[in-house]
C-alpha cells in the first residue's frame, strides 16, 4: 500500500502432514529460522529483492522438519491446554500450534524419538551433502534436555552418513509453554553456509560481531 516492493515466500517444511482438517498443504515450522537468517544475510550484502527471494525459496526447498509434543501449550485467550495429551503419551508430528501430527504413542526415550524424527526428515529430504541441523525447543523443554536430544539426533545422522556442517540448539520457533521439540535439517551448499555464518545481531541469534 505504501509503494514498497515485497516478495512472499511460503515456508512449508513440516513432513508430518500434507493436508488435514487443520492445514492446507504442509505447515511451516523450524525452517522459518533458516529462511529468515539466510535471507537476512543476503539482504545485508545488498542483494536485490529478486535474489533474496530466490535464496529464501532455495532454503525452504532444501529444509524439512518433524516435531514432537510432550505436552500441550496454554494460550492466554483459552486459559487451558489447547489439546488433550494424557500423561505418559506423546504426539509425533505435532504442529507448533498444537495441530495433530501422525500419531500418538506411549512415552519414548530420547533415543527412540530421535530415531523416528530424523528418519522421517531424511526419508523426505534425502540429502546428498552436509546439512544445517536445528534442534528447536517448543518453549517448555529445558535446554539441558534439548542438548541431550541433540546428541541423539547427531547419532542418527552419523549412522545414516549425513555430515552436519552447522548445528544449533535452543528455543527459537516456539509454541508458548509447550513441552517438546522439533528437528529441522537444511541441505546446505557453499553459498547457504556462507550466508548462515555471516554476522548477525538479533534478540535470538548473535554471532560474528
N, C-alpha and C. Protein backbone atom coordinates (compact mmCIF):
# COMPACT_ATOMS: atom_id res chain seq x y z
N UNK A 1 0.82 -1.22 0.00
CA UNK A 1 0.00 0.00 0.00
C UNK A 1 0.85 1.26 0.00
N UNK A 2 2.04 1.18 0.57
CA UNK A 2 2.92 2.35 0.65
C UNK A 2 3.93 2.38 -0.49
N UNK A 3 3.76 1.50 -1.46
CA UNK A 3 4.66 1.50 -2.60
C UNK A 3 5.96 0.78 -2.38
N UNK A 4 6.08 0.03 -1.30
CA UNK A 4 7.29 -0.74 -1.03
C UNK A 4 7.19 -2.09 -1.75
N UNK A 5 8.22 -2.42 -2.52
CA UNK A 5 8.23 -3.71 -3.22
C UNK A 5 8.45 -4.85 -2.23
N UNK A 6 7.67 -5.89 -2.37
CA UNK A 6 7.78 -7.04 -1.47
C UNK A 6 7.78 -8.33 -2.28
N UNK A 7 8.16 -9.40 -1.63
CA UNK A 7 8.06 -10.74 -2.20
C UNK A 7 7.63 -11.68 -1.10
N UNK A 8 6.84 -12.65 -1.43
CA UNK A 8 6.34 -13.59 -0.44
C UNK A 8 6.96 -14.97 -0.66
N UNK A 9 7.39 -15.58 0.44
CA UNK A 9 7.95 -16.92 0.40
C UNK A 9 7.22 -17.77 1.43
N UNK A 10 6.59 -18.83 0.98
CA UNK A 10 5.86 -19.72 1.87
C UNK A 10 6.81 -20.77 2.43
N UNK A 11 6.86 -20.86 3.75
CA UNK A 11 7.68 -21.89 4.41
C UNK A 11 6.78 -23.09 4.71
N UNK A 12 7.15 -24.25 4.17
CA UNK A 12 6.30 -25.44 4.32
C UNK A 12 7.18 -26.68 4.50
N UNK A 13 7.93 -26.69 5.59
CA UNK A 13 8.95 -27.71 5.80
C UNK A 13 8.51 -28.93 6.58
N UNK A 14 7.32 -28.91 7.17
CA UNK A 14 6.89 -29.97 8.09
C UNK A 14 6.52 -31.24 7.32
N UNK A 15 7.25 -32.33 7.56
CA UNK A 15 6.99 -33.58 6.84
C UNK A 15 5.91 -34.42 7.51
N UNK A 16 5.42 -33.99 8.67
CA UNK A 16 4.48 -34.82 9.42
C UNK A 16 3.13 -34.94 8.73
N UNK A 17 2.68 -33.89 8.08
CA UNK A 17 1.38 -33.91 7.42
C UNK A 17 1.47 -33.23 6.07
N UNK A 18 0.52 -33.55 5.20
CA UNK A 18 0.36 -32.84 3.94
C UNK A 18 -0.91 -32.02 3.98
N UNK A 19 -2.03 -32.68 4.17
CA UNK A 19 -3.31 -31.99 4.31
C UNK A 19 -4.09 -32.64 5.46
N UNK A 20 -4.78 -31.81 6.22
CA UNK A 20 -5.63 -32.32 7.30
C UNK A 20 -6.73 -31.31 7.54
N UNK A 21 -7.53 -31.53 8.56
CA UNK A 21 -8.58 -30.57 8.92
C UNK A 21 -8.00 -29.24 9.33
N UNK A 22 -6.72 -29.22 9.73
CA UNK A 22 -6.11 -28.02 10.29
C UNK A 22 -5.13 -27.35 9.34
N UNK A 23 -4.85 -27.95 8.19
CA UNK A 23 -3.85 -27.39 7.29
C UNK A 23 -4.30 -27.46 5.85
N UNK A 24 -3.67 -26.63 5.02
CA UNK A 24 -3.80 -26.72 3.58
C UNK A 24 -2.38 -26.85 3.05
N UNK A 25 -1.97 -28.08 2.81
CA UNK A 25 -0.58 -28.32 2.47
C UNK A 25 0.25 -28.47 3.74
N UNK A 26 1.55 -28.44 3.57
CA UNK A 26 2.45 -28.62 4.70
C UNK A 26 2.54 -27.35 5.55
N UNK A 27 2.86 -27.55 6.83
CA UNK A 27 2.99 -26.43 7.75
C UNK A 27 4.41 -25.91 7.74
N UNK A 28 4.55 -24.66 8.14
CA UNK A 28 5.87 -24.07 8.32
C UNK A 28 6.28 -24.19 9.78
N UNK A 29 7.49 -24.69 10.02
CA UNK A 29 7.97 -24.83 11.40
C UNK A 29 9.41 -24.32 11.51
N UNK A 30 10.33 -25.18 11.90
CA UNK A 30 11.68 -24.74 12.21
C UNK A 30 12.45 -24.10 11.07
N UNK A 31 12.13 -24.44 9.82
CA UNK A 31 12.86 -23.86 8.69
C UNK A 31 12.68 -22.35 8.61
N UNK A 32 11.67 -21.82 9.30
CA UNK A 32 11.49 -20.37 9.34
C UNK A 32 12.77 -19.68 9.80
N UNK A 33 13.44 -20.27 10.79
CA UNK A 33 14.69 -19.70 11.29
C UNK A 33 15.76 -19.67 10.21
N UNK A 34 15.92 -20.78 9.48
CA UNK A 34 16.92 -20.83 8.42
C UNK A 34 16.61 -19.81 7.33
N UNK A 35 15.34 -19.75 6.93
CA UNK A 35 14.94 -18.84 5.86
C UNK A 35 15.21 -17.40 6.24
N UNK A 36 14.81 -17.01 7.45
CA UNK A 36 14.95 -15.60 7.85
C UNK A 36 16.42 -15.22 8.06
N UNK A 37 17.21 -16.12 8.65
CA UNK A 37 18.64 -15.80 8.87
C UNK A 37 19.38 -15.67 7.55
N UNK A 38 19.20 -16.63 6.68
CA UNK A 38 19.97 -16.65 5.43
C UNK A 38 19.49 -15.56 4.47
N UNK A 39 18.18 -15.38 4.36
CA UNK A 39 17.68 -14.30 3.51
C UNK A 39 18.08 -12.94 4.06
N UNK A 40 18.09 -12.83 5.39
CA UNK A 40 18.52 -11.58 6.01
C UNK A 40 19.97 -11.26 5.72
N UNK A 41 20.81 -12.31 5.72
CA UNK A 41 22.22 -12.10 5.41
C UNK A 41 22.41 -11.66 3.97
N UNK A 42 21.62 -12.23 3.07
CA UNK A 42 21.69 -11.82 1.67
C UNK A 42 21.28 -10.35 1.53
N UNK A 43 20.28 -9.96 2.29
CA UNK A 43 19.84 -8.56 2.27
C UNK A 43 20.95 -7.63 2.78
N UNK A 44 21.62 -8.04 3.86
CA UNK A 44 22.70 -7.24 4.41
C UNK A 44 23.82 -7.03 3.41
N UNK A 45 24.00 -8.01 2.52
CA UNK A 45 25.03 -7.89 1.50
C UNK A 45 24.61 -6.96 0.36
N UNK A 46 23.36 -6.52 0.38
CA UNK A 46 22.88 -5.63 -0.67
C UNK A 46 22.27 -6.33 -1.86
N UNK A 47 21.91 -7.61 -1.71
CA UNK A 47 21.31 -8.34 -2.81
C UNK A 47 19.96 -7.74 -3.17
N UNK A 48 19.61 -7.71 -4.47
CA UNK A 48 18.30 -7.20 -4.86
C UNK A 48 17.19 -8.11 -4.37
N UNK A 49 15.97 -7.58 -4.33
CA UNK A 49 14.82 -8.32 -3.81
C UNK A 49 14.66 -9.68 -4.48
N UNK A 50 14.82 -9.72 -5.80
CA UNK A 50 14.64 -10.97 -6.52
C UNK A 50 15.64 -12.03 -6.06
N UNK A 51 16.87 -11.59 -5.77
CA UNK A 51 17.88 -12.53 -5.32
C UNK A 51 17.59 -13.02 -3.91
N UNK A 52 17.16 -12.13 -3.05
CA UNK A 52 16.81 -12.51 -1.69
C UNK A 52 15.65 -13.51 -1.71
N UNK A 53 14.65 -13.24 -2.54
CA UNK A 53 13.52 -14.16 -2.66
C UNK A 53 13.97 -15.53 -3.13
N UNK A 54 14.84 -15.56 -4.13
CA UNK A 54 15.31 -16.84 -4.65
C UNK A 54 16.09 -17.63 -3.60
N UNK A 55 16.92 -16.93 -2.83
CA UNK A 55 17.68 -17.61 -1.76
C UNK A 55 16.73 -18.16 -0.71
N UNK A 56 15.73 -17.38 -0.32
CA UNK A 56 14.77 -17.83 0.68
C UNK A 56 14.02 -19.07 0.19
N UNK A 57 13.63 -19.07 -1.07
CA UNK A 57 12.93 -20.23 -1.62
C UNK A 57 13.84 -21.46 -1.66
N UNK A 58 15.10 -21.25 -1.98
CA UNK A 58 16.03 -22.37 -2.01
C UNK A 58 16.21 -22.98 -0.64
N UNK A 59 16.31 -22.13 0.37
CA UNK A 59 16.43 -22.64 1.74
C UNK A 59 15.21 -23.48 2.11
N UNK A 60 14.03 -22.97 1.80
CA UNK A 60 12.81 -23.70 2.13
C UNK A 60 12.75 -25.04 1.40
N UNK A 61 13.10 -25.03 0.12
CA UNK A 61 13.06 -26.27 -0.67
C UNK A 61 14.02 -27.32 -0.15
N UNK A 62 15.10 -26.87 0.50
CA UNK A 62 16.11 -27.80 1.00
C UNK A 62 15.93 -28.15 2.47
N UNK A 63 14.82 -27.72 3.09
CA UNK A 63 14.61 -27.91 4.52
C UNK A 63 13.41 -28.81 4.80
N UNK A 64 13.54 -29.62 5.85
CA UNK A 64 12.44 -30.46 6.32
C UNK A 64 12.48 -30.50 7.85
N UNK A 65 11.29 -30.64 8.46
CA UNK A 65 11.19 -30.64 9.93
C UNK A 65 10.21 -31.70 10.40
N UNK A 66 10.39 -32.08 11.66
CA UNK A 66 9.46 -33.01 12.32
C UNK A 66 9.43 -32.65 13.81
N UNK A 67 8.23 -32.45 14.35
CA UNK A 67 8.08 -32.04 15.73
C UNK A 67 7.44 -33.10 16.61
N UNK A 68 7.74 -33.02 17.90
CA UNK A 68 7.19 -33.95 18.89
C UNK A 68 6.72 -33.15 20.09
N UNK A 69 5.51 -33.43 20.57
CA UNK A 69 4.97 -32.75 21.75
C UNK A 69 4.89 -33.71 22.92
N UNK A 70 5.38 -33.25 24.07
CA UNK A 70 5.24 -34.00 25.31
C UNK A 70 4.12 -33.43 26.17
N UNK A 71 3.61 -32.27 25.76
CA UNK A 71 2.52 -31.62 26.47
C UNK A 71 1.97 -30.50 25.62
N UNK A 72 0.76 -30.07 25.90
CA UNK A 72 0.11 -29.02 25.12
C UNK A 72 0.51 -27.64 25.63
N UNK A 73 0.34 -26.64 24.77
CA UNK A 73 0.56 -25.26 25.21
C UNK A 73 -0.75 -24.68 25.73
N UNK A 74 -0.65 -23.61 26.50
CA UNK A 74 -1.81 -22.92 27.04
C UNK A 74 -1.82 -21.49 26.51
N UNK A 75 -2.79 -21.18 25.68
CA UNK A 75 -2.88 -19.82 25.15
C UNK A 75 -3.57 -18.91 26.15
N UNK A 76 -3.18 -17.64 26.24
CA UNK A 76 -3.82 -16.72 27.19
C UNK A 76 -5.32 -16.59 26.97
N UNK A 77 -5.74 -16.62 25.71
CA UNK A 77 -7.17 -16.44 25.41
C UNK A 77 -8.00 -17.62 25.91
N UNK A 78 -7.45 -18.83 25.83
CA UNK A 78 -8.18 -20.02 26.24
C UNK A 78 -8.01 -20.30 27.72
N UNK A 79 -6.80 -20.10 28.22
CA UNK A 79 -6.55 -20.31 29.64
C UNK A 79 -6.43 -21.75 30.07
N UNK A 80 -6.39 -22.66 29.11
CA UNK A 80 -6.25 -24.09 29.42
C UNK A 80 -5.53 -24.74 28.24
N UNK A 81 -5.02 -25.96 28.40
CA UNK A 81 -4.31 -26.61 27.30
C UNK A 81 -5.13 -26.66 26.02
N UNK A 82 -4.46 -26.43 24.89
CA UNK A 82 -5.18 -26.36 23.62
C UNK A 82 -5.59 -27.72 23.09
N UNK A 83 -4.99 -28.79 23.59
CA UNK A 83 -5.43 -30.13 23.22
C UNK A 83 -5.13 -31.07 24.37
N UNK A 84 -5.75 -32.21 24.35
CA UNK A 84 -5.62 -33.16 25.45
C UNK A 84 -4.55 -34.19 25.12
N UNK A 85 -3.52 -34.24 25.95
CA UNK A 85 -2.47 -35.23 25.79
C UNK A 85 -2.29 -35.90 27.15
N UNK A 86 -2.85 -37.10 27.30
CA UNK A 86 -2.81 -37.77 28.60
C UNK A 86 -1.39 -38.00 29.10
N UNK A 87 -1.21 -38.09 30.41
CA UNK A 87 0.12 -38.38 30.97
C UNK A 87 0.65 -39.70 30.41
N UNK A 88 1.93 -39.73 30.15
CA UNK A 88 2.53 -40.95 29.65
C UNK A 88 2.42 -41.13 28.15
N UNK A 89 1.91 -40.12 27.43
CA UNK A 89 1.80 -40.19 25.97
C UNK A 89 2.49 -39.00 25.33
N UNK A 90 2.84 -39.13 24.06
CA UNK A 90 3.39 -38.02 23.30
C UNK A 90 2.76 -38.01 21.91
N UNK A 91 2.86 -36.86 21.26
CA UNK A 91 2.30 -36.68 19.91
C UNK A 91 3.46 -36.55 18.93
N UNK A 92 3.53 -37.47 17.97
CA UNK A 92 4.57 -37.44 16.96
C UNK A 92 4.09 -36.64 15.76
N UNK A 93 4.86 -35.64 15.38
CA UNK A 93 4.50 -34.84 14.21
C UNK A 93 3.60 -33.67 14.52
N UNK A 94 3.60 -33.20 15.75
CA UNK A 94 2.70 -32.11 16.15
C UNK A 94 3.12 -30.80 15.47
N UNK A 95 2.13 -29.91 15.25
CA UNK A 95 2.42 -28.58 14.74
C UNK A 95 2.74 -27.64 15.88
N UNK A 96 3.32 -26.48 15.58
CA UNK A 96 3.72 -25.58 16.66
C UNK A 96 2.53 -24.93 17.35
N UNK A 97 1.35 -25.03 16.76
CA UNK A 97 0.16 -24.50 17.42
C UNK A 97 -0.72 -25.61 18.00
N UNK A 98 -0.16 -26.81 18.07
CA UNK A 98 -0.91 -27.91 18.64
C UNK A 98 -1.69 -28.72 17.63
N UNK A 99 -1.52 -28.43 16.33
CA UNK A 99 -2.21 -29.23 15.32
C UNK A 99 -1.75 -30.69 15.43
N UNK A 100 -2.65 -31.61 15.25
CA UNK A 100 -2.29 -33.02 15.41
C UNK A 100 -1.27 -33.46 14.38
N UNK A 101 -0.51 -34.48 14.74
CA UNK A 101 0.52 -34.99 13.86
C UNK A 101 0.17 -36.35 13.31
N UNK A 102 1.17 -37.20 13.21
CA UNK A 102 0.97 -38.52 12.61
C UNK A 102 0.27 -39.49 13.55
N UNK A 103 0.71 -39.51 14.81
CA UNK A 103 0.14 -40.49 15.73
C UNK A 103 0.53 -40.16 17.16
N UNK A 104 -0.17 -40.79 18.08
CA UNK A 104 0.19 -40.73 19.49
C UNK A 104 0.75 -42.07 19.91
N UNK A 105 1.75 -42.00 20.78
CA UNK A 105 2.37 -43.21 21.30
C UNK A 105 2.61 -43.06 22.79
N UNK A 106 2.87 -44.19 23.42
CA UNK A 106 3.31 -44.15 24.81
C UNK A 106 4.66 -43.44 24.86
N UNK A 107 4.98 -42.84 26.00
CA UNK A 107 6.22 -42.08 26.15
C UNK A 107 7.42 -42.89 25.68
N UNK A 108 8.32 -42.22 24.97
CA UNK A 108 9.50 -42.86 24.39
C UNK A 108 10.76 -42.22 24.96
N UNK A 109 11.88 -42.89 24.81
CA UNK A 109 13.16 -42.33 25.23
C UNK A 109 13.63 -41.32 24.18
N UNK A 110 14.59 -40.48 24.55
CA UNK A 110 15.15 -39.52 23.60
C UNK A 110 15.74 -40.25 22.40
N UNK A 111 16.35 -41.37 22.63
CA UNK A 111 16.93 -42.16 21.54
C UNK A 111 15.85 -42.60 20.56
N UNK A 112 14.74 -43.11 21.09
CA UNK A 112 13.66 -43.58 20.23
C UNK A 112 13.01 -42.44 19.47
N UNK A 113 12.82 -41.29 20.14
CA UNK A 113 12.22 -40.14 19.48
C UNK A 113 13.13 -39.65 18.35
N UNK A 114 14.42 -39.59 18.60
CA UNK A 114 15.36 -39.15 17.56
C UNK A 114 15.33 -40.08 16.36
N UNK A 115 15.25 -41.38 16.61
CA UNK A 115 15.18 -42.34 15.51
C UNK A 115 13.98 -42.03 14.61
N UNK A 116 12.82 -41.81 15.22
CA UNK A 116 11.60 -41.55 14.46
C UNK A 116 11.68 -40.21 13.73
N UNK A 117 12.05 -39.16 14.45
CA UNK A 117 12.04 -37.81 13.89
C UNK A 117 13.05 -37.65 12.76
N UNK A 118 14.28 -38.08 12.99
CA UNK A 118 15.32 -37.90 11.97
C UNK A 118 15.04 -38.77 10.75
N UNK A 119 14.59 -39.98 10.96
CA UNK A 119 14.27 -40.85 9.82
C UNK A 119 13.15 -40.24 8.97
N UNK A 120 12.14 -39.65 9.62
CA UNK A 120 11.05 -39.03 8.87
C UNK A 120 11.57 -37.88 8.02
N UNK A 121 12.48 -37.09 8.57
CA UNK A 121 13.04 -35.97 7.83
C UNK A 121 13.92 -36.45 6.68
N UNK A 122 14.81 -37.40 6.96
CA UNK A 122 15.73 -37.88 5.93
C UNK A 122 15.01 -38.62 4.82
N UNK A 123 13.97 -39.36 5.15
CA UNK A 123 13.23 -40.09 4.12
C UNK A 123 12.59 -39.15 3.12
N UNK A 124 12.28 -37.93 3.55
CA UNK A 124 11.66 -36.94 2.67
C UNK A 124 12.71 -36.05 2.00
N UNK A 125 13.72 -35.63 2.76
CA UNK A 125 14.72 -34.70 2.24
C UNK A 125 15.75 -35.39 1.34
N UNK A 126 16.21 -36.55 1.77
CA UNK A 126 17.21 -37.33 1.04
C UNK A 126 18.42 -36.47 0.65
N UNK A 127 19.11 -35.92 1.64
CA UNK A 127 20.26 -35.05 1.33
C UNK A 127 21.43 -35.83 0.76
N UNK A 128 22.19 -35.17 -0.11
CA UNK A 128 23.39 -35.79 -0.67
C UNK A 128 24.65 -35.08 -0.20
N UNK A 129 24.50 -34.08 0.66
CA UNK A 129 25.64 -33.34 1.18
C UNK A 129 25.42 -32.97 2.63
N UNK A 130 26.25 -32.10 3.16
CA UNK A 130 26.14 -31.69 4.57
C UNK A 130 24.88 -30.89 4.84
N UNK A 131 24.46 -30.88 6.11
CA UNK A 131 23.23 -30.21 6.48
C UNK A 131 23.45 -29.22 7.62
N UNK A 132 22.58 -28.23 7.68
CA UNK A 132 22.40 -27.43 8.88
C UNK A 132 21.41 -28.19 9.74
N UNK A 133 21.69 -28.35 11.02
CA UNK A 133 20.81 -29.11 11.91
C UNK A 133 20.33 -28.21 13.05
N UNK A 134 19.03 -28.15 13.22
CA UNK A 134 18.42 -27.39 14.31
C UNK A 134 17.61 -28.31 15.20
N UNK A 135 17.94 -28.33 16.49
CA UNK A 135 17.07 -28.95 17.50
C UNK A 135 16.39 -27.79 18.20
N UNK A 136 15.12 -27.63 17.94
CA UNK A 136 14.37 -26.48 18.38
C UNK A 136 13.40 -26.84 19.51
N UNK A 137 13.45 -26.11 20.59
CA UNK A 137 12.52 -26.33 21.68
C UNK A 137 11.19 -25.65 21.42
N UNK A 138 10.11 -26.23 21.90
CA UNK A 138 8.78 -25.67 21.70
C UNK A 138 8.45 -24.58 22.73
N UNK A 139 9.33 -24.41 23.72
CA UNK A 139 9.13 -23.36 24.71
C UNK A 139 9.20 -23.83 26.14
N UNK A 140 8.82 -25.09 26.39
CA UNK A 140 8.76 -25.57 27.76
C UNK A 140 9.73 -26.69 28.08
N UNK A 141 10.67 -26.97 27.17
CA UNK A 141 11.64 -28.04 27.42
C UNK A 141 12.97 -27.43 27.85
N UNK A 142 13.53 -27.86 28.97
CA UNK A 142 14.82 -27.31 29.44
C UNK A 142 15.92 -27.46 28.41
N UNK A 143 16.82 -26.50 28.38
CA UNK A 143 17.91 -26.51 27.41
C UNK A 143 18.79 -27.74 27.57
N UNK A 144 18.98 -28.19 28.81
CA UNK A 144 19.79 -29.39 29.05
C UNK A 144 19.20 -30.59 28.32
N UNK A 145 17.89 -30.73 28.35
CA UNK A 145 17.23 -31.85 27.67
C UNK A 145 17.35 -31.70 26.15
N UNK A 146 17.29 -30.46 25.66
CA UNK A 146 17.43 -30.25 24.22
C UNK A 146 18.82 -30.66 23.75
N UNK A 147 19.84 -30.33 24.54
CA UNK A 147 21.20 -30.74 24.17
C UNK A 147 21.35 -32.26 24.23
N UNK A 148 20.71 -32.88 25.20
CA UNK A 148 20.74 -34.34 25.26
C UNK A 148 20.08 -34.95 24.04
N UNK A 149 18.97 -34.35 23.62
CA UNK A 149 18.28 -34.84 22.42
C UNK A 149 19.13 -34.59 21.18
N UNK A 150 19.83 -33.46 21.15
CA UNK A 150 20.69 -33.18 20.02
C UNK A 150 21.77 -34.25 19.85
N UNK A 151 22.27 -34.76 20.95
CA UNK A 151 23.27 -35.83 20.87
C UNK A 151 22.70 -37.05 20.18
N UNK A 152 21.42 -37.34 20.45
CA UNK A 152 20.78 -38.48 19.79
C UNK A 152 20.53 -38.20 18.31
N UNK A 153 20.17 -36.96 17.99
CA UNK A 153 19.99 -36.58 16.58
C UNK A 153 21.30 -36.74 15.83
N UNK A 154 22.40 -36.28 16.44
CA UNK A 154 23.72 -36.40 15.81
C UNK A 154 24.09 -37.87 15.61
N UNK A 155 23.69 -38.71 16.56
CA UNK A 155 23.97 -40.14 16.43
C UNK A 155 23.28 -40.71 15.19
N UNK A 156 21.99 -40.41 15.03
CA UNK A 156 21.24 -40.95 13.89
C UNK A 156 21.83 -40.44 12.58
N UNK A 157 22.16 -39.16 12.52
CA UNK A 157 22.74 -38.61 11.30
C UNK A 157 24.07 -39.28 10.98
N UNK A 158 24.86 -39.53 12.01
CA UNK A 158 26.12 -40.23 11.80
C UNK A 158 25.91 -41.63 11.27
N UNK A 159 24.92 -42.33 11.83
CA UNK A 159 24.62 -43.68 11.37
C UNK A 159 24.14 -43.70 9.92
N UNK A 160 23.48 -42.64 9.50
CA UNK A 160 22.98 -42.54 8.12
C UNK A 160 24.00 -41.89 7.18
N UNK A 161 25.18 -41.55 7.70
CA UNK A 161 26.22 -40.98 6.86
C UNK A 161 25.95 -39.57 6.39
N UNK A 162 25.20 -38.79 7.20
CA UNK A 162 24.87 -37.41 6.84
C UNK A 162 25.75 -36.48 7.66
N UNK A 163 26.69 -35.77 7.03
CA UNK A 163 27.56 -34.85 7.78
C UNK A 163 26.81 -33.59 8.20
N UNK A 164 27.10 -33.11 9.40
CA UNK A 164 26.48 -31.89 9.93
C UNK A 164 27.48 -30.75 9.80
N UNK A 165 27.14 -29.77 8.97
CA UNK A 165 28.03 -28.63 8.76
C UNK A 165 27.93 -27.63 9.90
N UNK A 166 26.72 -27.39 10.38
CA UNK A 166 26.47 -26.47 11.49
C UNK A 166 25.31 -27.04 12.31
N UNK A 167 25.34 -26.77 13.61
CA UNK A 167 24.27 -27.23 14.50
C UNK A 167 23.85 -26.10 15.42
N UNK A 168 22.57 -26.04 15.71
CA UNK A 168 22.02 -25.03 16.60
C UNK A 168 20.98 -25.69 17.50
N UNK A 169 21.04 -25.37 18.80
CA UNK A 169 20.13 -25.95 19.78
C UNK A 169 19.53 -24.84 20.62
N UNK A 170 18.22 -24.84 20.80
CA UNK A 170 17.59 -23.84 21.65
C UNK A 170 16.13 -23.62 21.30
N UNK A 171 15.50 -22.69 22.01
CA UNK A 171 14.10 -22.34 21.77
C UNK A 171 14.03 -21.18 20.79
N UNK A 172 13.66 -21.47 19.56
CA UNK A 172 13.64 -20.45 18.51
C UNK A 172 12.27 -20.30 17.85
N UNK A 173 11.68 -21.39 17.39
CA UNK A 173 10.34 -21.35 16.79
C UNK A 173 9.43 -22.07 17.78
N UNK A 174 8.87 -21.31 18.70
CA UNK A 174 8.24 -21.90 19.88
C UNK A 174 6.72 -21.85 19.84
N UNK A 175 6.13 -22.49 20.82
CA UNK A 175 4.68 -22.53 20.98
C UNK A 175 4.35 -22.28 22.45
N UNK A 176 4.65 -21.06 22.89
CA UNK A 176 4.39 -20.66 24.28
C UNK A 176 5.06 -21.62 25.25
N UNK A 177 4.28 -22.35 26.05
CA UNK A 177 4.86 -23.22 27.07
C UNK A 177 4.80 -24.70 26.71
N UNK A 178 4.65 -25.02 25.45
CA UNK A 178 4.55 -26.41 25.04
C UNK A 178 5.84 -27.16 25.36
N UNK A 179 5.71 -28.34 25.91
CA UNK A 179 6.86 -29.22 26.14
C UNK A 179 7.05 -30.09 24.92
N UNK A 180 8.25 -30.08 24.38
CA UNK A 180 8.53 -30.86 23.19
C UNK A 180 9.64 -30.21 22.39
N UNK A 181 9.87 -30.72 21.21
CA UNK A 181 10.94 -30.18 20.37
C UNK A 181 10.70 -30.57 18.92
N UNK A 182 11.50 -30.00 18.05
CA UNK A 182 11.46 -30.36 16.64
C UNK A 182 12.87 -30.48 16.10
N UNK A 183 12.99 -31.23 15.02
CA UNK A 183 14.26 -31.38 14.31
C UNK A 183 14.09 -30.80 12.92
N UNK A 184 14.99 -29.91 12.54
CA UNK A 184 14.98 -29.33 11.19
C UNK A 184 16.34 -29.53 10.57
N UNK A 185 16.35 -30.04 9.35
CA UNK A 185 17.58 -30.20 8.58
C UNK A 185 17.46 -29.41 7.29
N UNK A 186 18.53 -28.73 6.92
CA UNK A 186 18.59 -27.99 5.65
C UNK A 186 19.85 -28.42 4.92
N UNK A 187 19.68 -28.96 3.73
CA UNK A 187 20.84 -29.35 2.94
C UNK A 187 21.55 -28.09 2.47
N UNK A 188 22.78 -27.92 2.91
CA UNK A 188 23.48 -26.66 2.69
C UNK A 188 24.47 -26.77 1.53
N UNK A 189 24.58 -25.69 0.77
CA UNK A 189 25.64 -25.58 -0.22
C UNK A 189 26.60 -24.48 0.24
N UNK A 190 27.60 -24.18 -0.57
CA UNK A 190 28.63 -23.22 -0.16
C UNK A 190 28.03 -21.84 0.12
N UNK A 191 27.11 -21.40 -0.72
CA UNK A 191 26.53 -20.07 -0.53
C UNK A 191 25.67 -20.02 0.72
N UNK A 192 24.86 -21.04 0.93
CA UNK A 192 23.99 -21.03 2.11
C UNK A 192 24.81 -21.07 3.39
N UNK A 193 25.89 -21.82 3.40
CA UNK A 193 26.76 -21.85 4.58
C UNK A 193 27.40 -20.49 4.83
N UNK A 194 27.83 -19.84 3.76
CA UNK A 194 28.43 -18.52 3.91
C UNK A 194 27.43 -17.52 4.49
N UNK A 195 26.21 -17.56 4.00
CA UNK A 195 25.18 -16.65 4.49
C UNK A 195 24.76 -17.01 5.92
N UNK A 196 24.76 -18.28 6.26
CA UNK A 196 24.45 -18.69 7.62
C UNK A 196 25.52 -18.19 8.60
N UNK A 197 26.77 -18.26 8.18
CA UNK A 197 27.88 -17.86 9.04
C UNK A 197 28.04 -16.34 9.12
N UNK A 198 27.36 -15.60 8.26
CA UNK A 198 27.51 -14.14 8.24
C UNK A 198 27.13 -13.55 9.59
N UNK A 199 27.76 -12.46 10.00
CA UNK A 199 27.46 -11.85 11.30
C UNK A 199 25.98 -11.55 11.47
N UNK A 200 25.49 -11.75 12.67
CA UNK A 200 24.08 -11.49 12.98
C UNK A 200 23.97 -10.98 14.40
N UNK A 201 23.09 -10.03 14.61
CA UNK A 201 22.87 -9.49 15.95
C UNK A 201 21.38 -9.23 16.13
N UNK A 202 20.69 -10.19 16.68
CA UNK A 202 19.26 -10.07 16.96
C UNK A 202 19.02 -10.54 18.40
N UNK A 203 17.78 -10.48 18.81
CA UNK A 203 17.45 -10.95 20.16
C UNK A 203 17.74 -12.43 20.32
N UNK A 204 17.57 -13.21 19.24
CA UNK A 204 17.70 -14.66 19.33
C UNK A 204 19.05 -15.17 18.84
N UNK A 205 19.61 -14.54 17.82
CA UNK A 205 20.86 -15.00 17.22
C UNK A 205 21.91 -13.90 17.29
N UNK A 206 23.11 -14.25 17.77
CA UNK A 206 24.20 -13.28 17.82
C UNK A 206 25.51 -14.04 17.60
N UNK A 207 26.15 -13.73 16.50
CA UNK A 207 27.50 -14.25 16.30
C UNK A 207 28.22 -13.45 15.22
N UNK A 208 29.55 -13.53 15.23
CA UNK A 208 30.36 -12.90 14.21
C UNK A 208 30.55 -11.41 14.35
N UNK A 209 30.13 -10.82 15.48
CA UNK A 209 30.25 -9.38 15.65
C UNK A 209 31.12 -9.07 16.87
